[in-house]
């Protein structure tokens, strides 16, 4: 069986890197990983397709309507303090019957690779660096994407109807617990 090779790699890389628009909702590469993304994109056999340095989200979700009733209260790619979370709970008009959640999403990086061997080389580095949830996917057209991900995720309810349901000390510990660990363990 032939080893997958992405036949249109060079033209696709040129197209992606020449496109000045960042497709993310934020609209730009996260500052903590911009140098890593630039470094990868300068390599002949790789380019990034998406990335996130890790983020903290605070959101309320109506218990009756689910995702349709989601209210995004805070999104940050930097550590947030307990004061940030508490002020969001006080300043926002949170509907009745809503749980408010604190969520940490870890660093993620998607890299298009010229060959399966190129992807496997980076995968070995990622896994040995602690990104245990990393893997490779190959499309029908042999596009090879390496996903670098960790298992460090956290989601916890912190309030109901705008009032804390956990002690402030627990909320403070959660706020500082993960984000500083995530972005560039691989570098």
N, C-alpha and C. Protein backbone atom coordinates (compact mmCIF):
# COMPACT_ATOMS: atom_id res chain seq x y z
N UNK A 1 0.84 -1.18 0.00
CA UNK A 1 0.00 0.00 0.00
C UNK A 1 0.89 1.25 0.00
N UNK A 2 0.57 2.20 -0.85
CA UNK A 2 1.35 3.43 -0.97
C UNK A 2 1.12 4.33 0.25
N UNK A 3 2.17 5.00 0.66
CA UNK A 3 2.07 5.95 1.76
C UNK A 3 1.35 7.20 1.27
N UNK A 4 0.32 7.68 2.02
CA UNK A 4 -0.40 8.87 1.58
C UNK A 4 0.52 10.09 1.44
N UNK A 5 0.36 10.78 0.34
CA UNK A 5 1.05 12.04 0.09
C UNK A 5 0.01 13.02 -0.42
N UNK A 6 0.01 14.21 0.15
CA UNK A 6 -0.96 15.23 -0.24
C UNK A 6 -0.47 15.87 -1.54
N UNK A 7 -1.04 15.44 -2.67
CA UNK A 7 -0.60 15.83 -4.01
C UNK A 7 -0.63 17.35 -4.22
N UNK A 8 -1.64 18.02 -3.71
CA UNK A 8 -1.80 19.46 -3.94
C UNK A 8 -1.27 20.29 -2.77
N UNK A 9 -0.35 19.74 -2.01
CA UNK A 9 0.14 20.38 -0.80
C UNK A 9 0.67 21.80 -1.07
N UNK A 10 1.57 21.96 -2.04
CA UNK A 10 2.20 23.26 -2.28
C UNK A 10 1.18 24.33 -2.68
N UNK A 11 0.27 24.00 -3.58
CA UNK A 11 -0.71 25.00 -4.02
C UNK A 11 -1.69 25.33 -2.89
N UNK A 12 -2.05 24.33 -2.09
CA UNK A 12 -2.96 24.58 -0.97
C UNK A 12 -2.27 25.42 0.11
N UNK A 13 -1.01 25.14 0.37
CA UNK A 13 -0.26 25.92 1.36
C UNK A 13 -0.18 27.38 0.92
N UNK A 14 0.15 27.60 -0.35
CA UNK A 14 0.21 28.98 -0.87
C UNK A 14 -1.13 29.68 -0.70
N UNK A 15 -2.20 29.00 -1.06
CA UNK A 15 -3.53 29.58 -0.97
C UNK A 15 -3.88 29.95 0.47
N UNK A 16 -3.65 29.03 1.39
CA UNK A 16 -3.99 29.26 2.80
C UNK A 16 -3.15 30.40 3.39
N UNK A 17 -1.86 30.41 3.12
CA UNK A 17 -0.99 31.42 3.73
C UNK A 17 -1.14 32.80 3.08
N UNK A 18 -1.58 32.84 1.82
CA UNK A 18 -1.80 34.13 1.16
C UNK A 18 -3.13 34.75 1.56
N UNK A 19 -4.06 33.93 2.06
CA UNK A 19 -5.36 34.44 2.49
C UNK A 19 -5.16 35.24 3.78
N UNK A 20 -5.32 36.54 3.71
CA UNK A 20 -5.04 37.43 4.84
C UNK A 20 -6.13 37.37 5.92
N UNK A 21 -7.28 36.81 5.58
CA UNK A 21 -8.39 36.74 6.53
C UNK A 21 -8.20 35.55 7.46
N UNK A 22 -8.26 35.78 8.76
CA UNK A 22 -8.25 34.69 9.72
C UNK A 22 -9.69 34.22 9.88
N UNK A 23 -9.92 32.94 9.71
CA UNK A 23 -11.28 32.41 9.70
C UNK A 23 -11.89 32.27 11.09
N UNK A 24 -11.10 32.47 12.14
CA UNK A 24 -11.63 32.30 13.49
C UNK A 24 -12.60 33.43 13.85
N UNK A 25 -13.44 33.16 14.85
CA UNK A 25 -14.40 34.17 15.32
C UNK A 25 -13.64 35.38 15.87
N UNK A 26 -12.49 35.14 16.48
CA UNK A 26 -11.67 36.22 17.03
C UNK A 26 -11.03 37.05 15.91
N UNK A 27 -10.65 36.38 14.81
CA UNK A 27 -10.11 37.09 13.65
C UNK A 27 -8.60 37.22 13.60
N UNK A 28 -7.89 36.58 14.55
CA UNK A 28 -6.43 36.65 14.53
C UNK A 28 -5.84 35.46 15.29
N UNK A 29 -4.55 35.22 15.06
CA UNK A 29 -3.84 34.17 15.78
C UNK A 29 -3.60 34.65 17.21
N UNK A 30 -3.77 33.76 18.18
CA UNK A 30 -3.59 34.13 19.58
C UNK A 30 -2.13 34.50 19.85
N UNK A 31 -1.93 35.61 20.54
CA UNK A 31 -0.58 36.14 20.81
C UNK A 31 0.38 35.12 21.43
N UNK A 32 -0.05 34.30 22.40
CA UNK A 32 0.91 33.39 23.02
C UNK A 32 1.51 32.34 22.06
N UNK A 33 0.88 32.10 20.92
CA UNK A 33 1.40 31.06 20.01
C UNK A 33 1.74 31.59 18.62
N UNK A 34 1.74 32.89 18.44
CA UNK A 34 1.99 33.46 17.11
C UNK A 34 3.37 33.07 16.57
N UNK A 35 4.39 33.04 17.42
CA UNK A 35 5.73 32.67 16.96
C UNK A 35 5.79 31.20 16.56
N UNK A 36 5.11 30.34 17.29
CA UNK A 36 5.04 28.92 16.94
C UNK A 36 4.36 28.74 15.59
N UNK A 37 3.25 29.42 15.37
CA UNK A 37 2.52 29.32 14.10
C UNK A 37 3.39 29.83 12.95
N UNK A 38 4.07 30.96 13.15
CA UNK A 38 4.95 31.50 12.11
C UNK A 38 6.07 30.51 11.79
N UNK A 39 6.65 29.92 12.82
CA UNK A 39 7.74 28.95 12.63
C UNK A 39 7.27 27.75 11.80
N UNK A 40 6.13 27.20 12.15
CA UNK A 40 5.59 26.05 11.42
C UNK A 40 5.32 26.42 9.96
N UNK A 41 4.73 27.58 9.76
CA UNK A 41 4.36 28.00 8.40
C UNK A 41 5.57 28.29 7.52
N UNK A 42 6.74 28.51 8.11
CA UNK A 42 7.97 28.71 7.33
C UNK A 42 8.59 27.39 6.88
N UNK A 43 8.15 26.29 7.47
CA UNK A 43 8.71 24.99 7.13
C UNK A 43 8.17 24.51 5.78
N UNK A 44 8.99 23.87 5.01
CA UNK A 44 8.62 23.43 3.67
C UNK A 44 7.49 22.40 3.66
N UNK A 45 7.43 21.56 4.67
CA UNK A 45 6.51 20.42 4.64
C UNK A 45 5.31 20.54 5.56
N UNK A 46 5.07 21.74 6.12
CA UNK A 46 3.98 21.94 7.07
C UNK A 46 3.36 23.32 6.89
N UNK A 47 2.08 23.43 7.27
CA UNK A 47 1.45 24.73 7.49
C UNK A 47 0.26 24.55 8.42
N UNK A 48 -0.04 25.58 9.18
CA UNK A 48 -1.14 25.49 10.14
C UNK A 48 -2.46 25.80 9.46
N UNK A 49 -3.50 25.09 9.89
CA UNK A 49 -4.84 25.37 9.36
C UNK A 49 -5.73 26.01 10.42
N UNK A 50 -5.46 25.77 11.69
CA UNK A 50 -6.17 26.45 12.78
C UNK A 50 -5.40 26.25 14.07
N UNK A 51 -5.67 27.15 15.03
CA UNK A 51 -4.96 27.07 16.30
C UNK A 51 -5.72 27.85 17.37
N UNK A 52 -5.45 27.49 18.61
CA UNK A 52 -5.96 28.24 19.75
C UNK A 52 -4.97 28.02 20.89
N UNK A 53 -4.56 29.09 21.54
CA UNK A 53 -3.58 28.99 22.62
C UNK A 53 -4.19 28.45 23.91
N UNK A 54 -5.47 28.24 23.91
CA UNK A 54 -6.21 27.86 25.11
C UNK A 54 -7.08 29.04 25.49
N UNK A 55 -8.25 28.75 26.03
CA UNK A 55 -9.12 29.87 26.40
C UNK A 55 -10.00 29.51 27.57
N UNK A 56 -10.46 30.56 28.21
CA UNK A 56 -11.39 30.45 29.32
C UNK A 56 -12.68 31.11 28.88
N UNK A 57 -13.77 30.42 29.13
CA UNK A 57 -15.09 30.91 28.74
C UNK A 57 -16.00 30.85 29.96
N UNK A 58 -16.79 31.88 30.13
CA UNK A 58 -17.86 31.86 31.12
C UNK A 58 -19.14 32.10 30.34
N UNK A 59 -20.09 31.19 30.49
CA UNK A 59 -21.34 31.31 29.74
C UNK A 59 -22.50 30.80 30.58
N UNK A 60 -23.69 31.32 30.27
CA UNK A 60 -24.91 30.86 30.92
C UNK A 60 -25.75 30.12 29.90
N UNK A 61 -26.36 29.05 30.37
CA UNK A 61 -27.19 28.24 29.49
C UNK A 61 -28.54 28.02 30.17
N UNK A 62 -29.59 28.38 29.48
CA UNK A 62 -30.93 28.20 30.01
C UNK A 62 -31.24 26.72 30.13
N UNK A 63 -31.70 26.29 31.27
CA UNK A 63 -31.96 24.87 31.50
C UNK A 63 -33.12 24.36 30.65
N UNK A 64 -33.98 25.26 30.18
CA UNK A 64 -35.13 24.83 29.36
C UNK A 64 -34.83 24.84 27.87
N UNK A 65 -33.99 25.77 27.41
CA UNK A 65 -33.78 25.91 25.95
C UNK A 65 -32.45 25.35 25.49
N UNK A 66 -31.54 25.05 26.40
CA UNK A 66 -30.25 24.49 26.02
C UNK A 66 -29.40 25.47 25.24
N UNK A 67 -28.72 24.98 24.19
CA UNK A 67 -27.76 25.81 23.45
C UNK A 67 -28.39 27.04 22.81
N UNK A 68 -29.68 26.95 22.43
CA UNK A 68 -30.32 28.13 21.81
C UNK A 68 -30.37 29.30 22.77
N UNK A 69 -30.35 29.02 24.07
CA UNK A 69 -30.41 30.08 25.07
C UNK A 69 -29.07 30.41 25.69
N UNK A 70 -27.97 30.10 25.01
CA UNK A 70 -26.64 30.35 25.57
C UNK A 70 -26.29 31.83 25.51
N UNK A 71 -25.81 32.34 26.62
CA UNK A 71 -25.36 33.73 26.73
C UNK A 71 -23.87 33.72 27.04
N UNK A 72 -23.05 34.21 26.11
CA UNK A 72 -21.59 34.24 26.29
C UNK A 72 -21.25 35.45 27.14
N UNK A 73 -20.68 35.21 28.30
CA UNK A 73 -20.39 36.28 29.25
C UNK A 73 -18.94 36.75 29.22
N UNK A 74 -18.01 35.82 28.97
CA UNK A 74 -16.59 36.14 29.00
C UNK A 74 -15.83 35.12 28.16
N UNK A 75 -14.93 35.60 27.32
CA UNK A 75 -14.01 34.73 26.59
C UNK A 75 -12.64 35.38 26.67
N UNK A 76 -11.64 34.61 27.14
CA UNK A 76 -10.30 35.15 27.28
C UNK A 76 -9.27 34.09 26.93
N UNK A 77 -8.22 34.52 26.25
CA UNK A 77 -7.09 33.65 25.95
C UNK A 77 -5.97 33.87 26.97
N UNK A 78 -6.28 34.57 28.04
CA UNK A 78 -5.35 34.82 29.12
C UNK A 78 -6.02 34.41 30.42
N UNK A 79 -5.22 34.27 31.48
CA UNK A 79 -5.76 33.92 32.78
C UNK A 79 -6.75 34.99 33.23
N UNK A 80 -7.86 34.56 33.82
CA UNK A 80 -8.84 35.50 34.36
C UNK A 80 -8.84 35.38 35.88
N UNK A 81 -9.15 36.47 36.53
CA UNK A 81 -9.20 36.46 38.00
C UNK A 81 -10.62 36.16 38.46
N UNK A 82 -10.74 35.81 39.71
CA UNK A 82 -12.06 35.60 40.31
C UNK A 82 -12.88 36.87 40.21
N UNK A 83 -12.21 38.04 40.29
CA UNK A 83 -12.92 39.32 40.17
C UNK A 83 -13.57 39.47 38.79
N UNK A 84 -12.85 39.01 37.73
CA UNK A 84 -13.43 39.05 36.38
C UNK A 84 -14.72 38.23 36.32
N UNK A 85 -14.67 37.03 36.87
CA UNK A 85 -15.83 36.14 36.83
C UNK A 85 -16.96 36.72 37.66
N UNK A 86 -16.67 37.20 38.87
CA UNK A 86 -17.71 37.75 39.73
C UNK A 86 -18.34 39.01 39.12
N UNK A 87 -17.53 39.86 38.51
CA UNK A 87 -18.10 41.07 37.91
C UNK A 87 -18.99 40.74 36.72
N UNK A 88 -18.62 39.71 35.97
CA UNK A 88 -19.46 39.28 34.84
C UNK A 88 -20.81 38.80 35.37
N UNK A 89 -20.80 38.07 36.46
CA UNK A 89 -22.05 37.58 37.04
C UNK A 89 -22.92 38.72 37.54
N UNK A 90 -22.29 39.79 38.06
CA UNK A 90 -23.05 40.93 38.58
C UNK A 90 -23.51 41.87 37.48
N UNK A 91 -22.68 42.06 36.45
CA UNK A 91 -22.95 43.07 35.43
C UNK A 91 -23.89 42.61 34.32
N UNK A 92 -24.01 41.31 34.11
CA UNK A 92 -24.83 40.81 33.01
C UNK A 92 -26.23 40.49 33.50
N UNK A 93 -27.20 40.69 32.64
CA UNK A 93 -28.58 40.36 32.95
C UNK A 93 -28.80 38.89 32.58
N UNK A 94 -28.60 38.02 33.56
CA UNK A 94 -28.71 36.58 33.33
C UNK A 94 -30.15 36.15 33.57
N UNK A 95 -30.76 35.52 32.56
CA UNK A 95 -32.16 35.09 32.72
C UNK A 95 -32.33 34.07 33.85
N UNK A 96 -33.55 33.98 34.35
CA UNK A 96 -33.90 33.00 35.38
C UNK A 96 -33.74 31.59 34.80
N UNK A 97 -33.47 30.62 35.66
CA UNK A 97 -33.29 29.20 35.31
C UNK A 97 -32.06 28.98 34.44
N UNK A 98 -31.01 29.73 34.72
CA UNK A 98 -29.76 29.56 33.96
C UNK A 98 -28.63 29.13 34.88
N UNK A 99 -27.93 28.10 34.45
CA UNK A 99 -26.65 27.76 35.07
C UNK A 99 -25.57 28.55 34.36
N UNK A 100 -24.59 29.03 35.11
CA UNK A 100 -23.44 29.69 34.53
C UNK A 100 -22.25 28.76 34.73
N UNK A 101 -21.53 28.55 33.64
CA UNK A 101 -20.42 27.61 33.64
C UNK A 101 -19.10 28.33 33.40
N UNK A 102 -18.07 27.80 34.03
CA UNK A 102 -16.69 28.18 33.75
C UNK A 102 -16.14 27.03 32.92
N UNK A 103 -15.51 27.36 31.79
CA UNK A 103 -14.96 26.32 30.93
C UNK A 103 -13.55 26.69 30.50
N UNK A 104 -12.65 25.72 30.63
CA UNK A 104 -11.30 25.88 30.13
C UNK A 104 -11.14 24.94 28.94
N UNK A 105 -10.72 25.50 27.81
CA UNK A 105 -10.41 24.71 26.62
C UNK A 105 -8.91 24.84 26.38
N UNK A 106 -8.18 23.73 26.28
CA UNK A 106 -6.72 23.79 26.17
C UNK A 106 -6.24 24.15 24.77
N UNK A 107 -4.94 24.34 24.69
CA UNK A 107 -4.23 24.57 23.43
C UNK A 107 -4.62 23.51 22.40
N UNK A 108 -4.82 23.96 21.15
CA UNK A 108 -5.06 23.04 20.03
C UNK A 108 -4.38 23.61 18.80
N UNK A 109 -3.84 22.73 17.99
CA UNK A 109 -3.14 23.15 16.78
C UNK A 109 -3.41 22.11 15.69
N UNK A 110 -3.82 22.59 14.51
CA UNK A 110 -4.02 21.70 13.36
C UNK A 110 -3.00 22.07 12.30
N UNK A 111 -2.26 21.06 11.85
CA UNK A 111 -1.17 21.26 10.92
C UNK A 111 -1.37 20.36 9.71
N UNK A 112 -1.35 20.95 8.52
CA UNK A 112 -1.38 20.16 7.29
C UNK A 112 0.06 19.73 7.00
N UNK A 113 0.22 18.44 6.66
CA UNK A 113 1.55 17.86 6.47
C UNK A 113 1.68 17.30 5.06
N UNK A 114 2.85 17.43 4.47
CA UNK A 114 3.08 16.96 3.10
C UNK A 114 2.91 15.44 2.99
N UNK A 115 3.45 14.69 3.94
CA UNK A 115 3.37 13.23 3.89
C UNK A 115 2.98 12.69 5.26
N UNK A 116 2.58 11.45 5.29
CA UNK A 116 2.27 10.79 6.55
C UNK A 116 3.50 10.73 7.46
N UNK A 117 4.67 10.52 6.88
CA UNK A 117 5.90 10.49 7.67
C UNK A 117 6.16 11.82 8.36
N UNK A 118 5.90 12.92 7.65
CA UNK A 118 6.06 14.25 8.27
C UNK A 118 5.10 14.40 9.45
N UNK A 119 3.87 13.96 9.28
CA UNK A 119 2.88 14.05 10.36
C UNK A 119 3.29 13.18 11.54
N UNK A 120 3.77 11.97 11.28
CA UNK A 120 4.17 11.07 12.36
C UNK A 120 5.34 11.63 13.16
N UNK A 121 6.25 12.31 12.51
CA UNK A 121 7.40 12.91 13.21
C UNK A 121 6.93 13.92 14.25
N UNK A 122 6.01 14.79 13.86
CA UNK A 122 5.50 15.81 14.79
C UNK A 122 4.58 15.16 15.83
N UNK A 123 3.83 14.15 15.44
CA UNK A 123 2.96 13.45 16.39
C UNK A 123 3.77 12.85 17.54
N UNK A 124 4.89 12.25 17.23
CA UNK A 124 5.74 11.67 18.29
C UNK A 124 6.19 12.76 19.27
N UNK A 125 6.57 13.91 18.75
CA UNK A 125 7.00 15.03 19.60
C UNK A 125 5.83 15.51 20.46
N UNK A 126 4.67 15.66 19.85
CA UNK A 126 3.49 16.15 20.57
C UNK A 126 3.11 15.21 21.72
N UNK A 127 3.05 13.94 21.45
CA UNK A 127 2.67 12.98 22.48
C UNK A 127 3.70 12.93 23.60
N UNK A 128 4.98 12.95 23.25
CA UNK A 128 6.01 12.92 24.29
C UNK A 128 6.05 14.22 25.09
N UNK A 129 5.46 15.30 24.56
CA UNK A 129 5.39 16.58 25.27
C UNK A 129 4.14 16.70 26.12
N UNK A 130 3.31 15.66 26.16
CA UNK A 130 2.13 15.67 27.02
C UNK A 130 0.81 15.89 26.30
N UNK A 131 0.84 16.05 24.99
CA UNK A 131 -0.40 16.26 24.23
C UNK A 131 -0.94 14.89 23.80
N UNK A 132 -1.47 14.16 24.78
CA UNK A 132 -1.85 12.76 24.62
C UNK A 132 -3.05 12.55 23.72
N UNK A 133 -3.84 13.57 23.46
CA UNK A 133 -5.04 13.43 22.65
C UNK A 133 -4.78 13.81 21.19
N UNK A 134 -3.53 13.82 20.78
CA UNK A 134 -3.15 14.20 19.42
C UNK A 134 -3.37 13.04 18.46
N UNK A 135 -3.52 13.37 17.17
CA UNK A 135 -3.70 12.31 16.19
C UNK A 135 -3.60 12.83 14.77
N UNK A 136 -3.69 11.91 13.82
CA UNK A 136 -3.57 12.22 12.39
C UNK A 136 -4.83 11.77 11.69
N UNK A 137 -5.31 12.60 10.76
CA UNK A 137 -6.42 12.19 9.90
C UNK A 137 -6.00 12.39 8.44
N UNK A 138 -6.49 11.50 7.60
CA UNK A 138 -6.19 11.56 6.17
C UNK A 138 -7.52 11.58 5.42
N UNK A 139 -7.73 12.61 4.58
CA UNK A 139 -8.98 12.74 3.84
C UNK A 139 -8.97 11.85 2.59
N UNK A 140 -10.09 11.80 1.91
CA UNK A 140 -10.19 11.03 0.66
C UNK A 140 -9.21 11.52 -0.39
N UNK A 141 -8.88 12.82 -0.35
CA UNK A 141 -7.93 13.40 -1.31
C UNK A 141 -6.50 13.38 -0.76
N UNK A 142 -6.29 12.58 0.28
CA UNK A 142 -4.98 12.44 0.93
C UNK A 142 -4.46 13.70 1.61
N UNK A 143 -5.35 14.60 1.99
CA UNK A 143 -4.93 15.74 2.80
C UNK A 143 -4.65 15.21 4.20
N UNK A 144 -3.45 15.46 4.69
CA UNK A 144 -3.00 14.90 5.96
C UNK A 144 -2.98 16.02 7.01
N UNK A 145 -3.80 15.85 8.04
CA UNK A 145 -3.91 16.86 9.10
C UNK A 145 -3.49 16.24 10.42
N UNK A 146 -2.54 16.88 11.06
CA UNK A 146 -2.12 16.51 12.40
C UNK A 146 -2.85 17.42 13.38
N UNK A 147 -3.50 16.82 14.37
CA UNK A 147 -4.16 17.59 15.43
C UNK A 147 -3.36 17.42 16.71
N UNK A 148 -2.90 18.52 17.27
CA UNK A 148 -2.16 18.50 18.53
C UNK A 148 -3.13 18.98 19.61
N UNK A 149 -3.45 18.07 20.53
CA UNK A 149 -4.43 18.38 21.58
C UNK A 149 -4.03 17.68 22.87
N UNK A 150 -4.42 18.27 23.96
CA UNK A 150 -4.19 17.63 25.26
C UNK A 150 -5.53 17.15 25.81
N UNK A 151 -5.47 16.55 26.96
CA UNK A 151 -6.68 16.08 27.62
C UNK A 151 -7.10 17.03 28.74
N UNK A 152 -6.38 18.13 28.89
CA UNK A 152 -6.64 19.07 29.99
C UNK A 152 -7.80 19.98 29.65
N UNK A 153 -8.98 19.55 30.01
CA UNK A 153 -10.15 20.39 29.80
C UNK A 153 -10.92 20.43 31.12
N UNK A 154 -11.68 21.48 31.30
CA UNK A 154 -12.41 21.63 32.55
C UNK A 154 -13.68 22.41 32.27
N UNK A 155 -14.80 21.89 32.76
CA UNK A 155 -16.05 22.64 32.69
C UNK A 155 -16.79 22.38 33.99
N UNK A 156 -17.23 23.46 34.61
CA UNK A 156 -17.90 23.33 35.89
C UNK A 156 -18.97 24.40 36.05
N UNK A 157 -20.13 24.04 36.59
CA UNK A 157 -21.10 25.09 36.91
C UNK A 157 -20.56 25.90 38.09
N UNK A 158 -20.71 27.21 38.01
CA UNK A 158 -20.25 28.06 39.11
C UNK A 158 -21.37 28.92 39.69
N UNK A 159 -22.47 29.04 38.95
CA UNK A 159 -23.58 29.87 39.44
C UNK A 159 -24.90 29.37 38.89
N UNK A 160 -25.96 29.72 39.60
CA UNK A 160 -27.32 29.46 39.12
C UNK A 160 -28.13 30.73 39.36
N UNK A 161 -28.83 31.17 38.35
CA UNK A 161 -29.59 32.44 38.41
C UNK A 161 -28.71 33.61 38.83
N UNK A 162 -27.44 33.60 38.40
CA UNK A 162 -26.53 34.69 38.67
C UNK A 162 -25.90 34.68 40.05
N UNK A 163 -26.16 33.65 40.86
CA UNK A 163 -25.60 33.56 42.21
C UNK A 163 -24.64 32.37 42.27
N UNK A 164 -23.46 32.60 42.89
CA UNK A 164 -22.47 31.53 43.01
C UNK A 164 -23.06 30.32 43.72
N UNK A 165 -22.75 29.14 43.20
CA UNK A 165 -23.16 27.89 43.86
C UNK A 165 -21.94 27.13 44.38
N UNK A 166 -20.76 27.73 44.23
CA UNK A 166 -19.53 27.17 44.80
C UNK A 166 -18.88 28.27 45.63
N UNK A 167 -18.06 27.88 46.56
CA UNK A 167 -17.36 28.86 47.39
C UNK A 167 -16.44 29.70 46.51
N UNK A 168 -16.26 30.97 46.86
CA UNK A 168 -15.38 31.85 46.09
C UNK A 168 -13.97 31.28 45.98
N UNK A 169 -13.49 30.61 47.03
CA UNK A 169 -12.15 30.04 47.01
C UNK A 169 -12.04 28.95 45.95
N UNK A 170 -13.09 28.14 45.78
CA UNK A 170 -13.10 27.10 44.75
C UNK A 170 -13.09 27.75 43.38
N UNK A 171 -13.90 28.77 43.21
CA UNK A 171 -13.97 29.49 41.93
C UNK A 171 -12.61 30.12 41.62
N UNK A 172 -11.96 30.69 42.62
CA UNK A 172 -10.65 31.31 42.42
C UNK A 172 -9.61 30.26 42.01
N UNK A 173 -9.63 29.11 42.65
CA UNK A 173 -8.70 28.04 42.32
C UNK A 173 -8.91 27.58 40.87
N UNK A 174 -10.15 27.45 40.46
CA UNK A 174 -10.47 27.03 39.10
C UNK A 174 -9.99 28.08 38.10
N UNK A 175 -10.18 29.35 38.42
CA UNK A 175 -9.79 30.43 37.50
C UNK A 175 -8.29 30.43 37.20
N UNK A 176 -7.47 30.03 38.16
CA UNK A 176 -6.03 30.06 37.97
C UNK A 176 -5.43 28.71 37.61
N UNK A 177 -6.25 27.67 37.55
CA UNK A 177 -5.70 26.32 37.51
C UNK A 177 -5.05 25.90 36.21
N UNK A 178 -5.54 26.25 35.04
CA UNK A 178 -5.13 25.57 33.83
C UNK A 178 -4.43 26.43 32.77
N UNK A 179 -4.89 27.62 32.52
CA UNK A 179 -4.46 28.34 31.33
C UNK A 179 -2.96 28.53 31.24
N UNK A 180 -2.32 28.81 32.33
CA UNK A 180 -0.88 29.02 32.30
C UNK A 180 -0.08 27.78 31.93
N UNK A 181 -0.69 26.59 32.05
CA UNK A 181 0.00 25.34 31.75
C UNK A 181 -0.03 24.99 30.27
N UNK A 182 -0.96 25.55 29.52
CA UNK A 182 -1.30 24.99 28.24
C UNK A 182 -0.46 25.37 27.03
N UNK A 183 -0.30 26.64 26.68
CA UNK A 183 0.04 26.97 25.30
C UNK A 183 1.24 26.31 24.64
N UNK A 184 2.41 26.40 25.17
CA UNK A 184 3.56 25.99 24.36
C UNK A 184 4.45 24.95 25.00
N UNK A 185 3.87 23.95 25.60
CA UNK A 185 4.66 22.86 26.16
C UNK A 185 5.46 22.19 25.05
N UNK A 186 4.94 22.24 23.83
CA UNK A 186 5.56 21.55 22.70
C UNK A 186 6.81 22.25 22.18
N UNK A 187 6.95 23.54 22.44
CA UNK A 187 8.08 24.30 21.88
C UNK A 187 9.38 23.92 22.55
